[in-house]
Amino acid sequence: MPPFARFALVGAAGFVVDAGVLTLARSTGAGLLAGRALSYLVAATFTWGCNRRFTFAATQAPSVGEWARFLLVNAGGGLVNLAVYSALVLALPPVARMPVLGVAAGSLAGLAVNFALSRRFVFRA
């Protein structure tokens, strides 16, 4: 399986972790924002660990610095995701009527950016 496909698969698994932790946190009394902060950190840590082993086969020992770089570069992909979504729903009436199209386009753009940045700045050989 190509690395990009593995990265996407890990991202999908991360979504499940994110949603599961948020649901669990909410059921134990966490608020919407605190629950989301917790679920994001757990999911990001999960995807970092899976990507370092499954996608990029990192050989160096894991470090806090590597984890922080992963969070930082993936925030870049998140901004691209939001920018693509916003541009499409604001500029194209069909996308505004079906915003899930904008979500899909933004997600794909963010995924590509996150993969490229993670490969270049986090898990470089």
PDB file of N, CA and C in Angstrom:
ATOM      1  N   MET A   1       0.855  -1.172   0.000  1.00  0.00           N
ATOM      2  CA  MET A   1       0.000   0.000   0.000  1.00  0.00           C
ATOM      3  C   MET A   1       0.909   1.246   0.000  1.00  0.00           C
ATOM      4  N   PRO A   2       0.650   2.208  -0.874  1.00  0.00           N
ATOM      5  CA  PRO A   2       1.477   3.423  -0.913  1.00  0.00           C
ATOM      6  C   PRO A   2       1.371   4.217   0.393  1.00  0.00           C
ATOM      7  N   PRO A   3       2.435   4.950   0.729  1.00  0.00           N
ATOM      8  CA  PRO A   3       2.426   5.721   1.980  1.00  0.00           C
ATOM      9  C   PRO A   3       1.244   6.691   2.099  1.00  0.00           C
ATOM     10  N   PHE A   4       0.860   7.351   1.002  1.00  0.00           N
ATOM     11  CA  PHE A   4      -0.260   8.286   1.077  1.00  0.00           C
ATOM     12  C   PHE A   4      -1.542   7.567   1.473  1.00  0.00           C
ATOM     13  N   ALA A   5      -1.766   6.364   0.938  1.00  0.00           N
ATOM     14  CA  ALA A   5      -2.955   5.582   1.299  1.00  0.00           C
ATOM     15  C   ALA A   5      -2.892   5.173   2.767  1.00  0.00           C
ATOM     16  N   ARG A   6      -1.710   4.807   3.241  1.00  0.00           N
ATOM     17  CA  ARG A   6      -1.570   4.459   4.664  1.00  0.00           C
ATOM     18  C   ARG A   6      -1.856   5.676   5.539  1.00  0.00           C
ATOM     19  N   PHE A   7      -1.355   6.848   5.113  1.00  0.00           N
ATOM     20  CA  PHE A   7      -1.600   8.087   5.858  1.00  0.00           C
ATOM     21  C   PHE A   7      -3.102   8.369   5.939  1.00  0.00           C
ATOM     22  N   ALA A   8      -3.792   8.194   4.826  1.00  0.00           N
ATOM     23  CA  ALA A   8      -5.247   8.414   4.805  1.00  0.00           C
ATOM     24  C   ALA A   8      -5.964   7.412   5.693  1.00  0.00           C
ATOM     25  N   LEU A   9      -5.530   6.167   5.683  1.00  0.00           N
ATOM     26  CA  LEU A   9      -6.141   5.134   6.523  1.00  0.00           C
ATOM     27  C   LEU A   9      -5.939   5.450   8.003  1.00  0.00           C
ATOM     28  N   VAL A  10      -4.745   5.885   8.355  1.00  0.00           N
ATOM     29  CA  VAL A  10      -4.481   6.278   9.743  1.00  0.00           C
ATOM     30  C   VAL A  10      -5.363   7.466  10.117  1.00  0.00           C
ATOM     31  N   GLY A  11      -5.529   8.408   9.205  1.00  0.00           N
ATOM     32  CA  GLY A  11      -6.404   9.551   9.465  1.00  0.00           C
ATOM     33  C   GLY A  11      -7.841   9.136   9.720  1.00  0.00           C
ATOM     34  N   ALA A  12      -8.320   8.161   8.945  1.00  0.00           N
ATOM     35  CA  ALA A  12      -9.685   7.662   9.160  1.00  0.00           C
ATOM     36  C   ALA A  12      -9.807   7.001  10.530  1.00  0.00           C
ATOM     37  N   ALA A  13      -8.797   6.227  10.906  1.00  0.00           N
ATOM     38  CA  ALA A  13      -8.807   5.607  12.236  1.00  0.00           C
ATOM     39  C   ALA A  13      -8.739   6.678  13.317  1.00  0.00           C
ATOM     40  N   GLY A  14      -7.982   7.732  13.054  1.00  0.00           N
ATOM     41  CA  GLY A  14      -7.899   8.838  14.001  1.00  0.00           C
ATOM     42  C   GLY A  14      -9.235   9.516  14.203  1.00  0.00           C
ATOM     43  N   PHE A  15     -10.010   9.617  13.139  1.00  0.00           N
ATOM     44  CA  PHE A  15     -11.354  10.185  13.266  1.00  0.00           C
ATOM     45  C   PHE A  15     -12.201   9.346  14.220  1.00  0.00           C
ATOM     46  N   VAL A  16     -12.109   8.022  14.101  1.00  0.00           N
ATOM     47  CA  VAL A  16     -12.873   7.130  14.987  1.00  0.00           C
ATOM     48  C   VAL A  16     -12.430   7.325  16.438  1.00  0.00           C
ATOM     49  N   VAL A  17     -11.124   7.415  16.653  1.00  0.00           N
ATOM     50  CA  VAL A  17     -10.601   7.647  18.001  1.00  0.00           C
ATOM     51  C   VAL A  17     -11.103   8.997  18.526  1.00  0.00           C
ATOM     52  N   ASP A  18     -11.013  10.014  17.697  1.00  0.00           N
ATOM     53  CA  ASP A  18     -11.442  11.360  18.078  1.00  0.00           C
ATOM     54  C   ASP A  18     -12.912  11.363  18.496  1.00  0.00           C
ATOM     55  N   ALA A  19     -13.768  10.806  17.649  1.00  0.00           N
ATOM     56  CA  ALA A  19     -15.203  10.773  17.942  1.00  0.00           C
ATOM     57  C   ALA A  19     -15.494   9.930  19.182  1.00  0.00           C
ATOM     58  N   GLY A  20     -14.800   8.818  19.336  1.00  0.00           N
ATOM     59  CA  GLY A  20     -15.016   7.954  20.495  1.00  0.00           C
ATOM     60  C   GLY A  20     -14.611   8.618  21.797  1.00  0.00           C
ATOM     61  N   VAL A  21     -13.456   9.272  21.805  1.00  0.00           N
ATOM     62  CA  VAL A  21     -12.998   9.949  23.025  1.00  0.00           C
ATOM     63  C   VAL A  21     -13.919  11.120  23.350  1.00  0.00           C
ATOM     64  N   LEU A  22     -14.348  11.859  22.331  1.00  0.00           N
ATOM     65  CA  LEU A  22     -15.278  12.964  22.585  1.00  0.00           C
ATOM     66  C   LEU A  22     -16.576  12.443  23.190  1.00  0.00           C
ATOM     67  N   THR A  23     -17.108  11.368  22.650  1.00  0.00           N
ATOM     68  CA  THR A  23     -18.343  10.778  23.176  1.00  0.00           C
ATOM     69  C   THR A  23     -18.152  10.321  24.617  1.00  0.00           C
ATOM     70  N   LEU A  24     -17.041   9.658  24.888  1.00  0.00           N
ATOM     71  CA  LEU A  24     -16.751   9.198  26.244  1.00  0.00           C
ATOM     72  C   LEU A  24     -16.573  10.376  27.200  1.00  0.00           C
ATOM     73  N   ALA A  25     -15.824  11.382  26.772  1.00  0.00           N
ATOM     74  CA  ALA A  25     -15.607  12.553  27.626  1.00  0.00           C
ATOM     75  C   ALA A  25     -16.928  13.248  27.940  1.00  0.00           C
ATOM     76  N   ARG A  26     -17.778  13.399  26.937  1.00  0.00           N
ATOM     77  CA  ARG A  26     -19.084  14.042  27.159  1.00  0.00           C
ATOM     78  C   ARG A  26     -19.936  13.215  28.116  1.00  0.00           C
ATOM     79  N   SER A  27     -19.860  11.886  28.030  1.00  0.00           N
ATOM     80  CA  SER A  27     -20.682  11.038  28.899  1.00  0.00           C
ATOM     81  C   SER A  27     -20.214  11.081  30.349  1.00  0.00           C
ATOM     82  N   THR A  28     -18.976  11.535  30.569  1.00  0.00           N
ATOM     83  CA  THR A  28     -18.464  11.640  31.937  1.00  0.00           C
ATOM     84  C   THR A  28     -18.514  13.074  32.452  1.00  0.00           C
ATOM     85  N   GLY A  29     -19.204  13.959  31.709  1.00  0.00           N
ATOM     86  CA  GLY A  29     -19.439  15.303  32.194  1.00  0.00           C
ATOM     87  C   GLY A  29     -18.561  16.390  31.603  1.00  0.00           C
ATOM     88  N   ALA A  30     -17.672  16.062  30.695  1.00  0.00           N
ATOM     89  CA  ALA A  30     -16.837  17.100  30.086  1.00  0.00           C
ATOM     90  C   ALA A  30     -17.696  18.003  29.213  1.00  0.00           C
ATOM     91  N   GLY A  31     -17.361  19.254  29.180  1.00  0.00           N
ATOM     92  CA  GLY A  31     -18.070  20.190  28.317  1.00  0.00           C
ATOM     93  C   GLY A  31     -17.688  19.985  26.860  1.00  0.00           C
ATOM     94  N   LEU A  32     -18.375  20.697  25.999  1.00  0.00           N
ATOM     95  CA  LEU A  32     -18.132  20.551  24.560  1.00  0.00           C
ATOM     96  C   LEU A  32     -16.706  20.933  24.169  1.00  0.00           C
ATOM     97  N   LEU A  33     -16.192  22.006  24.725  1.00  0.00           N
ATOM     98  CA  LEU A  33     -14.849  22.447  24.353  1.00  0.00           C
ATOM     99  C   LEU A  33     -13.760  21.631  25.041  1.00  0.00           C
ATOM    100  N   ALA A  34     -13.913  21.370  26.321  1.00  0.00           N
ATOM    101  CA  ALA A  34     -12.918  20.562  27.029  1.00  0.00           C
ATOM    102  C   ALA A  34     -12.892  19.139  26.470  1.00  0.00           C
ATOM    103  N   GLY A  35     -14.060  18.589  26.195  1.00  0.00           N
ATOM    104  CA  GLY A  35     -14.133  17.251  25.612  1.00  0.00           C
ATOM    105  C   GLY A  35     -13.465  17.197  24.256  1.00  0.00           C
ATOM    106  N   ARG A  36     -13.665  18.253  23.465  1.00  0.00           N
ATOM    107  CA  ARG A  36     -13.063  18.293  22.129  1.00  0.00           C
ATOM    108  C   ARG A  36     -11.561  18.471  22.217  1.00  0.00           C
ATOM    109  N   ALA A  37     -11.081  19.276  23.141  1.00  0.00           N
ATOM    110  CA  ALA A  37      -9.634  19.452  23.313  1.00  0.00           C
ATOM    111  C   ALA A  37      -8.985  18.118  23.677  1.00  0.00           C
ATOM    112  N   LEU A  38      -9.602  17.401  24.600  1.00  0.00           N
ATOM    113  CA  LEU A  38      -9.085  16.101  24.994  1.00  0.00           C
ATOM    114  C   LEU A  38      -9.114  15.122  23.824  1.00  0.00           C
ATOM    115  N   SER A  39     -10.240  15.062  23.125  1.00  0.00           N
ATOM    116  CA  SER A  39     -10.360  14.092  22.025  1.00  0.00           C
ATOM    117  C   SER A  39      -9.368  14.411  20.910  1.00  0.00           C
ATOM    118  N   TYR A  40      -9.142  15.691  20.633  1.00  0.00           N
ATOM    119  CA  TYR A  40      -8.169  16.066  19.608  1.00  0.00           C
ATOM    120  C   TYR A  40      -6.769  15.609  19.995  1.00  0.00           C
ATOM    121  N   LEU A  41      -6.363  15.887  21.237  1.00  0.00           N
ATOM    122  CA  LEU A  41      -5.014  15.498  21.665  1.00  0.00           C
ATOM    123  C   LEU A  41      -4.816  13.992  21.652  1.00  0.00           C
ATOM    124  N   VAL A  42      -5.832  13.250  22.080  1.00  0.00           N
ATOM    125  CA  VAL A  42      -5.727  11.784  22.058  1.00  0.00           C
ATOM    126  C   VAL A  42      -5.644  11.290  20.616  1.00  0.00           C
ATOM    127  N   ALA A  43      -6.506  11.807  19.748  1.00  0.00           N
ATOM    128  CA  ALA A  43      -6.509  11.365  18.349  1.00  0.00           C
ATOM    129  C   ALA A  43      -5.214  11.774  17.643  1.00  0.00           C
ATOM    130  N   ALA A  44      -4.729  12.979  17.903  1.00  0.00           N
ATOM    131  CA  ALA A  44      -3.485  13.425  17.275  1.00  0.00           C
ATOM    132  C   ALA A  44      -2.304  12.571  17.731  1.00  0.00           C
ATOM    133  N   THR A  45      -2.293  12.219  19.008  1.00  0.00           N
ATOM    134  CA  THR A  45      -1.233  11.353  19.526  1.00  0.00           C
ATOM    135  C   THR A  45      -1.333   9.960  18.912  1.00  0.00           C
ATOM    136  N   PHE A  46      -2.542   9.457  18.791  1.00  0.00           N
ATOM    137  CA  PHE A  46      -2.770   8.163  18.145  1.00  0.00           C
ATOM    138  C   PHE A  46      -2.272   8.185  16.697  1.00  0.00           C
ATOM    139  N   THR A  47      -2.641   9.215  15.937  1.00  0.00           N
ATOM    140  CA  THR A  47      -2.241   9.258  14.534  1.00  0.00           C
ATOM    141  C   THR A  47      -0.734   9.479  14.389  1.00  0.00           C
ATOM    142  N   TRP A  48      -0.144  10.248  15.288  1.00  0.00           N
ATOM    143  CA  TRP A  48       1.303  10.407  15.269  1.00  0.00           C
ATOM    144  C   TRP A  48       1.979   9.049  15.445  1.00  0.00           C
ATOM    145  N   GLY A  49       1.562   8.299  16.460  1.00  0.00           N
ATOM    146  CA  GLY A  49       2.162   6.990  16.705  1.00  0.00           C
ATOM    147  C   GLY A  49       1.959   6.023  15.552  1.00  0.00           C
ATOM    148  N   CYS A  50       0.760   5.987  15.013  1.00  0.00           N
ATOM    149  CA  CYS A  50       0.486   5.079  13.887  1.00  0.00           C
ATOM    150  C   CYS A  50       1.241   5.507  12.639  1.00  0.00           C
ATOM    151  N   ASN A  51       1.280   6.795  12.359  1.00  0.00           N
ATOM    152  CA  ASN A  51       1.998   7.255  11.174  1.00  0.00           C
ATOM    153  C   ASN A  51       3.492   7.012  11.286  1.00  0.00           C
ATOM    154  N   ARG A  52       4.033   7.192  12.466  1.00  0.00           N
ATOM    155  CA  ARG A  52       5.483   6.992  12.595  1.00  0.00           C
ATOM    156  C   ARG A  52       5.860   5.533  12.364  1.00  0.00           C
ATOM    157  N   ARG A  53       4.984   4.596  12.711  1.00  0.00           N
ATOM    158  CA  ARG A  53       5.308   3.180  12.520  1.00  0.00           C
ATOM    159  C   ARG A  53       4.755   2.634  11.201  1.00  0.00           C
ATOM    160  N   PHE A  54       3.492   2.892  10.922  1.00  0.00           N
ATOM    161  CA  PHE A  54       2.797   2.268   9.794  1.00  0.00           C
ATOM    162  C   PHE A  54       3.050   3.000   8.479  1.00  0.00           C
ATOM    163  N   THR A  55       3.006   4.329   8.499  1.00  0.00           N
ATOM    164  CA  THR A  55       3.124   5.093   7.259  1.00  0.00           C
ATOM    165  C   THR A  55       4.571   5.370   6.892  1.00  0.00           C
ATOM    166  N   PHE A  56       5.365   5.832   7.852  1.00  0.00           N
ATOM    167  CA  PHE A  56       6.714   6.297   7.555  1.00  0.00           C
ATOM    168  C   PHE A  56       7.817   5.389   8.088  1.00  0.00           C
ATOM    169  N   ALA A  57       7.479   4.350   8.832  1.00  0.00           N
ATOM    170  CA  ALA A  57       8.449   3.391   9.377  1.00  0.00           C
ATOM    171  C   ALA A  57       9.649   4.106  10.009  1.00  0.00           C
ATOM    172  N   ALA A  58       9.360   5.051  10.895  1.00  0.00           N
ATOM    173  CA  ALA A  58      10.418   5.819  11.561  1.00  0.00           C
ATOM    174  C   ALA A  58      11.304   4.885  12.369  1.00  0.00           C
ATOM    175  N   THR A  59      12.599   5.115  12.300  1.00  0.00           N
ATOM    176  CA  THR A  59      13.538   4.258  13.026  1.00  0.00           C
ATOM    177  C   THR A  59      14.111   4.935  14.267  1.00  0.00           C
ATOM    178  N   GLN A  60      14.075   6.260  14.307  1.00  0.00           N
ATOM    179  CA  GLN A  60      14.578   6.959  15.487  1.00  0.00           C
ATOM    180  C   GLN A  60      13.566   6.818  16.625  1.00  0.00           C
ATOM    181  N   ALA A  61      14.045   7.005  17.837  1.00  0.00           N
ATOM    182  CA  ALA A  61      13.165   6.911  18.997  1.00  0.00           C
ATOM    183  C   ALA A  61      12.148   8.050  18.967  1.00  0.00           C
ATOM    184  N   PRO A  62      10.922   7.781  19.402  1.00  0.00           N
ATOM    185  CA  PRO A  62       9.931   8.859  19.457  1.00  0.00           C
ATOM    186  C   PRO A  62      10.374   9.930  20.449  1.00  0.00           C
ATOM    187  N   SER A  63       9.969  11.170  20.171  1.00  0.00           N
ATOM    188  CA  SER A  63      10.343  12.264  21.069  1.00  0.00           C
ATOM    189  C   SER A  63       9.191  13.261  21.166  1.00  0.00           C
ATOM    190  N   VAL A  64       9.222  14.038  22.220  1.00  0.00           N
ATOM    191  CA  VAL A  64       8.233  15.096  22.397  1.00  0.00           C
ATOM    192  C   VAL A  64       8.358  16.108  21.263  1.00  0.00           C
ATOM    193  N   GLY A  65       9.580  16.373  20.826  1.00  0.00           N
ATOM    194  CA  GLY A  65       9.786  17.303  19.726  1.00  0.00           C
ATOM    195  C   GLY A  65       9.136  16.821  18.434  1.00  0.00           C
ATOM    196  N   GLU A  66       9.277  15.547  18.153  1.00  0.00           N
ATOM    197  CA  GLU A  66       8.658  14.983  16.955  1.00  0.00           C
ATOM    198  C   GLU A  66       7.137  15.088  17.049  1.00  0.00           C
ATOM    199  N   TRP A  67       6.599  14.752  18.211  1.00  0.00           N
ATOM    200  CA  TRP A  67       5.146  14.845  18.432  1.00  0.00           C
ATOM    201  C   TRP A  67       4.668  16.280  18.244  1.00  0.00           C
ATOM    202  N   ALA A  68       5.410  17.248  18.789  1.00  0.00           N
ATOM    203  CA  ALA A  68       5.027  18.663  18.663  1.00  0.00           C
ATOM    204  C   ALA A  68       5.100  19.114  17.207  1.00  0.00           C
ATOM    205  N   ARG A  69       6.138  18.681  16.472  1.00  0.00           N
ATOM    206  CA  ARG A  69       6.219  19.015  15.045  1.00  0.00           C
ATOM    207  C   ARG A  69       5.037  18.433  14.282  1.00  0.00           C
ATOM    208  N   PHE A  70       4.640  17.219  14.625  1.00  0.00           N
ATOM    209  CA  PHE A  70       3.488  16.592  13.977  1.00  0.00           C
ATOM    210  C   PHE A  70       2.233  17.422  14.208  1.00  0.00           C
ATOM    211  N   LEU A  71       2.003  17.851  15.446  1.00  0.00           N
ATOM    212  CA  LEU A  71       0.836  18.685  15.740  1.00  0.00           C
ATOM    213  C   LEU A  71       0.900  20.003  14.972  1.00  0.00           C
ATOM    214  N   LEU A  72       2.064  20.607  14.919  1.00  0.00           N
ATOM    215  CA  LEU A  72       2.216  21.889  14.246  1.00  0.00           C
ATOM    216  C   LEU A  72       1.981  21.772  12.742  1.00  0.00           C
ATOM    217  N   VAL A  73       2.620  20.806  12.087  1.00  0.00           N
ATOM    218  CA  VAL A  73       2.456  20.710  10.634  1.00  0.00           C
ATOM    219  C   VAL A  73       1.039  20.286  10.264  1.00  0.00           C
ATOM    220  N   ASN A  74       0.400  19.497  11.102  1.00  0.00           N
ATOM    221  CA  ASN A  74      -0.975  19.099  10.801  1.00  0.00           C
ATOM    222  C   ASN A  74      -1.961  20.236  11.038  1.00  0.00           C
ATOM    223  N   ALA A  75      -1.581  21.207  11.841  1.00  0.00           N
ATOM    224  CA  ALA A  75      -2.398  22.421  11.952  1.00  0.00           C
ATOM    225  C   ALA A  75      -2.375  23.172  10.625  1.00  0.00           C
ATOM    226  N   GLY A  76      -1.249  23.114   9.916  1.00  0.00           N
ATOM    227  CA  GLY A  76      -1.167  23.721   8.588  1.00  0.00           C
ATOM    228  C   GLY A  76      -2.173  23.111   7.632  1.00  0.00           C
ATOM    229  N   GLY A  77      -2.289  21.799   7.660  1.00  0.00           N
ATOM    230  CA  GLY A  77      -3.286  21.131   6.820  1.00  0.00           C
ATOM    231  C   GLY A  77      -4.700  21.492   7.230  1.00  0.00           C
ATOM    232  N   GLY A  78      -4.900  21.695   8.523  1.00  0.00           N
ATOM    233  CA  GLY A  78      -6.218  22.110   9.001  1.00  0.00           C
ATOM    234  C   GLY A  78      -6.605  23.481   8.473  1.00  0.00           C
ATOM    235  N   LEU A  79      -5.631  24.384   8.404  1.00  0.00           N
ATOM    236  CA  LEU A  79      -5.893  25.712   7.859  1.00  0.00           C
ATOM    237  C   LEU A  79      -6.199  25.648   6.367  1.00  0.00           C
ATOM    238  N   VAL A  80      -5.477  24.791   5.645  1.00  0.00           N
ATOM    239  CA  VAL A  80      -5.760  24.604   4.218  1.00  0.00           C
ATOM    240  C   VAL A  80      -7.165  24.042   4.042  1.00  0.00           C
ATOM    241  N   ASN A  81      -7.523  23.065   4.863  1.00  0.00           N
ATOM    242  CA  ASN A  81      -8.857  22.468   4.819  1.00  0.00           C
ATOM    243  C   ASN A  81      -9.923  23.550   4.969  1.00  0.00           C
ATOM    244  N   LEU A  82      -9.776  24.373   5.982  1.00  0.00           N
ATOM    245  CA  LEU A  82     -10.747  25.433   6.242  1.00  0.00           C
ATOM    246  C   LEU A  82     -10.777  26.460   5.111  1.00  0.00           C
ATOM    247  N   ALA A  83      -9.616  26.801   4.580  1.00  0.00           N
ATOM    248  CA  ALA A  83      -9.553  27.790   3.493  1.00  0.00           C
ATOM    249  C   ALA A  83     -10.241  27.274   2.231  1.00  0.00           C
ATOM    250  N   VAL A  84      -9.990  26.023   1.871  1.00  0.00           N
ATOM    251  CA  VAL A  84     -10.621  25.452   0.673  1.00  0.00           C
ATOM    252  C   VAL A  84     -12.128  25.382   0.867  1.00  0.00           C
ATOM    253  N   TYR A  85     -12.559  24.870   2.010  1.00  0.00           N
ATOM    254  CA  TYR A  85     -13.992  24.797   2.310  1.00  0.00           C
ATOM    255  C   TYR A  85     -14.631  26.183   2.208  1.00  0.00           C
ATOM    256  N   SER A  86     -14.032  27.166   2.877  1.00  0.00           N
ATOM    257  CA  SER A  86     -14.598  28.514   2.904  1.00  0.00           C
ATOM    258  C   SER A  86     -14.674  29.113   1.509  1.00  0.00           C
ATOM    259  N   ALA A  87     -13.609  28.974   0.747  1.00  0.00           N
ATOM    260  CA  ALA A  87     -13.598  29.526  -0.608  1.00  0.00           C
ATOM    261  C   ALA A  87     -14.689  28.905  -1.462  1.00  0.00           C
ATOM    262  N   LEU A  88     -14.855  27.604  -1.358  1.00  0.00           N
ATOM    263  CA  LEU A  88     -15.843  26.925  -2.194  1.00  0.00           C
ATOM    264  C   LEU A  88     -17.277  27.274  -1.806  1.00  0.00           C
ATOM    265  N   VAL A  89     -17.569  27.274  -0.502  1.00  0.00           N
ATOM    266  CA  VAL A  89     -18.959  27.567  -0.111  1.00  0.00           C
ATOM    267  C   VAL A  89     -19.314  29.030  -0.338  1.00  0.00           C
ATOM    268  N   LEU A  90     -18.319  29.914  -0.310  1.00  0.00           N
ATOM    269  CA  LEU A  90     -18.591  31.335  -0.540  1.00  0.00           C
ATOM    270  C   LEU A  90     -18.644  31.686  -2.029  1.00  0.00           C
ATOM    271  N   ALA A  91     -17.915  30.937  -2.857  1.00  0.00           N
ATOM    272  CA  ALA A  91     -17.816  31.289  -4.274  1.00  0.00           C
ATOM    273  C   ALA A  91     -18.736  30.479  -5.182  1.00  0.00           C
ATOM    274  N   LEU A  92     -19.135  29.308  -4.756  1.00  0.00           N
ATOM    275  CA  LEU A  92     -19.910  28.425  -5.634  1.00  0.00           C
ATOM    276  C   LEU A  92     -21.265  28.091  -5.016  1.00  0.00           C
ATOM    277  N   PRO A  93     -22.335  28.647  -5.539  1.00  0.00           N
ATOM    278  CA  PRO A  93     -23.663  28.374  -4.978  1.00  0.00           C
ATOM    279  C   PRO A  93     -24.007  26.876  -4.867  1.00  0.00           C
ATOM    280  N   PRO A  94     -23.637  26.019  -5.837  1.00  0.00           N
ATOM    281  CA  PRO A  94     -23.950  24.589  -5.660  1.00  0.00           C
ATOM    282  C   PRO A  94     -23.278  23.987  -4.420  1.00  0.00           C
ATOM    283  N   VAL A  95     -22.062  24.445  -4.133  1.00  0.00           N
ATOM    284  CA  VAL A  95     -21.360  23.935  -2.941  1.00  0.00           C
ATOM    285  C   VAL A  95     -22.000  24.511  -1.678  1.00  0.00           C
ATOM    286  N   ALA A  96     -22.451  25.755  -1.742  1.00  0.00           N
ATOM    287  CA  ALA A  96     -23.139  26.347  -0.592  1.00  0.00           C
ATOM    288  C   ALA A  96     -24.421  25.579  -0.283  1.00  0.00           C
ATOM    289  N   ARG A  97     -25.079  25.078  -1.317  1.00  0.00           N
ATOM    290  CA  ARG A  97     -26.305  24.292  -1.103  1.00  0.00           C
ATOM    291  C   ARG A  97     -25.990  22.880  -0.587  1.00  0.00           C
ATOM    292  N   MET A  98     -24.822  22.375  -0.933  1.00  0.00           N
ATOM    293  CA  MET A  98     -24.385  21.047  -0.477  1.00  0.00           C
ATOM    294  C   MET A  98     -22.988  21.189   0.129  1.00  0.00           C
ATOM    295  N   PRO A  99     -22.885  21.765   1.332  1.00  0.00           N
ATOM    296  CA  PRO A  99     -21.564  22.067   1.898  1.00  0.00           C
ATOM    297  C   PRO A  99     -20.692  20.839   2.144  1.00  0.00           C
ATOM    298  N   VAL A 100     -21.294  19.653   2.152  1.00  0.00           N
ATOM    299  CA  VAL A 100     -20.482  18.447   2.308  1.00  0.00           C
ATOM    300  C   VAL A 100     -19.474  18.324   1.167  1.00  0.00           C
ATOM    301  N   LEU A 101     -19.775  18.904   0.000  1.00  0.00           N
ATOM    302  CA  LEU A 101     -18.814  18.916  -1.106  1.00  0.00           C
ATOM    303  C   LEU A 101     -17.586  19.746  -0.736  1.00  0.00           C
ATOM    304  N   GLY A 102     -17.825  20.857  -0.060  1.00  0.00           N
ATOM    305  CA  GLY A 102     -16.724  21.686   0.416  1.00  0.00           C
ATOM    306  C   GLY A 102     -15.911  20.991   1.498  1.00  0.00           C
ATOM    307  N   VAL A 103     -16.616  20.272   2.359  1.00  0.00           N
ATOM    308  CA  VAL A 103     -15.924  19.499   3.399  1.00  0.00           C
ATOM    309  C   VAL A 103     -15.019  18.455   2.750  1.00  0.00           C
ATOM    310  N   ALA A 104     -15.536  17.759   1.750  1.00  0.00           N
ATOM    311  CA  ALA A 104     -14.748  16.727   1.071  1.00  0.00           C
ATOM    312  C   ALA A 104     -13.524  17.334   0.392  1.00  0.00           C
ATOM    313  N   ALA A 105     -13.717  18.427  -0.341  1.00  0.00           N
ATOM    314  CA  ALA A 105     -12.595  19.069  -1.027  1.00  0.00           C
ATOM    315  C   ALA A 105     -11.568  19.591  -0.018  1.00  0.00           C
ATOM    316  N   GLY A 106     -12.034  20.210   1.045  1.00  0.00           N
ATOM    317  CA  GLY A 106     -11.131  20.707   2.072  1.00  0.00           C
ATOM    318  C   GLY A 106     -10.371  19.582   2.754  1.00  0.00           C
ATOM    319  N   SER A 107     -11.063  18.491   3.009  1.00  0.00           N
ATOM    320  CA  SER A 107     -10.415  17.344   3.656  1.00  0.00           C
ATOM    321  C   SER A 107      -9.322  16.757   2.777  1.00  0.00           C
ATOM    322  N   LEU A 108      -9.596  16.625   1.493  1.00  0.00           N
ATOM    323  CA  LEU A 108      -8.582  16.086   0.575  1.00  0.00           C
ATOM    324  C   LEU A 108      -7.376  17.023   0.469  1.00  0.00           C
ATOM    325  N   ALA A 109      -7.637  18.321   0.382  1.00  0.00           N
ATOM    326  CA  ALA A 109      -6.538  19.286   0.309  1.00  0.00           C
ATOM    327  C   ALA A 109      -5.718  19.264   1.602  1.00  0.00           C
ATOM    328  N   GLY A 110      -6.390  19.233   2.742  1.00  0.00           N
ATOM    329  CA  GLY A 110      -5.696  19.173   4.026  1.00  0.00           C
ATOM    330  C   GLY A 110      -4.904  17.894   4.191  1.00  0.00           C
ATOM    331  N   LEU A 111      -5.474  16.785   3.736  1.00  0.00           N
ATOM    332  CA  LEU A 111      -4.782  15.497   3.811  1.00  0.00           C
ATOM    333  C   LEU A 111      -3.490  15.533   3.012  1.00  0.00           C
ATOM    334  N   ALA A 112      -3.551  16.069   1.797  1.00  0.00           N
ATOM    335  CA  ALA A 112      -2.358  16.147   0.958  1.00  0.00           C
ATOM    336  C   ALA A 112      -1.283  17.027   1.597  1.00  0.00           C
ATOM    337  N   VAL A 113      -1.693  18.162   2.146  1.00  0.00           N
ATOM    338  CA  VAL A 113      -0.743  19.064   2.800  1.00  0.00           C
ATOM    339  C   VAL A 113      -0.148  18.393   4.040  1.00  0.00           C
ATOM    340  N   ASN A 114      -0.981  17.772   4.856  1.00  0.00           N
ATOM    341  CA  ASN A 114      -0.489  17.111   6.071  1.00  0.00           C
ATOM    342  C   ASN A 114       0.492  15.997   5.743  1.00  0.00           C
ATOM    343  N   PHE A 115       0.198  15.231   4.701  1.00  0.00           N
ATOM    344  CA  PHE A 115       1.101  14.152   4.304  1.00  0.00           C
ATOM    345  C   PHE A 115       2.450  14.735   3.876  1.00  0.00           C
ATOM    346  N   ALA A 116       2.414  15.726   2.995  1.00  0.00           N
ATOM    347  CA  ALA A 116       3.658  16.317   2.494  1.00  0.00           C
ATOM    348  C   ALA A 116       4.478  16.935   3.619  1.00  0.00           C
ATOM    349  N   LEU A 117       3.825  17.686   4.492  1.00  0.00           N
ATOM    350  CA  LEU A 117       4.548  18.328   5.588  1.00  0.00           C
ATOM    351  C   LEU A 117       5.054  17.316   6.612  1.00  0.00           C
ATOM    352  N   SER A 118       4.260  16.295   6.901  1.00  0.00           N
ATOM    353  CA  SER A 118       4.690  15.274   7.851  1.00  0.00           C
ATOM    354  C   SER A 118       5.915  14.527   7.304  1.00  0.00           C
ATOM    355  N   ARG A 119       5.868  14.198   6.023  1.00  0.00           N
ATOM    356  CA  ARG A 119       6.991  13.478   5.405  1.00  0.00           C
ATOM    357  C   ARG A 119       8.236  14.349   5.396  1.00  0.00           C
ATOM    358  N   ARG A 120       8.062  15.626   5.159  1.00  0.00           N
ATOM    359  CA  ARG A 120       9.224  16.539   5.019  1.00  0.00           C
ATOM    360  C   ARG A 120       9.789  16.982   6.360  1.00  0.00           C
ATOM    361  N   PHE A 121       8.915  17.314   7.320  1.00  0.00           N
ATOM    362  CA  PHE A 121       9.373  17.957   8.547  1.00  0.00           C
ATOM    363  C   PHE A 121       9.289  17.107   9.809  1.00  0.00           C
ATOM    364  N   VAL A 122       8.532  16.019   9.792  1.00  0.00           N
ATOM    365  CA  VAL A 122       8.368  15.223  11.005  1.00  0.00           C
ATOM    366  C   VAL A 122       9.081  13.875  10.879  1.00  0.00           C
ATOM    367  N   PHE A 123       8.830  13.162   9.797  1.00  0.00           N
ATOM    368  CA  PHE A 123       9.328  11.794   9.652  1.00  0.00           C
ATOM    369  C   PHE A 123      10.363  11.673   8.534  1.00  0.00           C
ATOM    370  N   ARG A 124      11.155  12.693   8.349  1.00  0.00           N
ATOM    371  CA  ARG A 124      12.166  12.638   7.293  1.00  0.00           C
ATOM    372  C   ARG A 124      13.174  11.550   7.617  1.00  0.00           C
ATOM    373  N   ALA A 125      13.624  10.888   6.577  1.00  0.00           N
ATOM    374  CA  ALA A 125      14.547   9.759   6.761  1.00  0.00           C
ATOM    375  C   ALA A 125      15.941  10.257   7.120  1.00  0.00           C
TER     376      ALA A 125
END
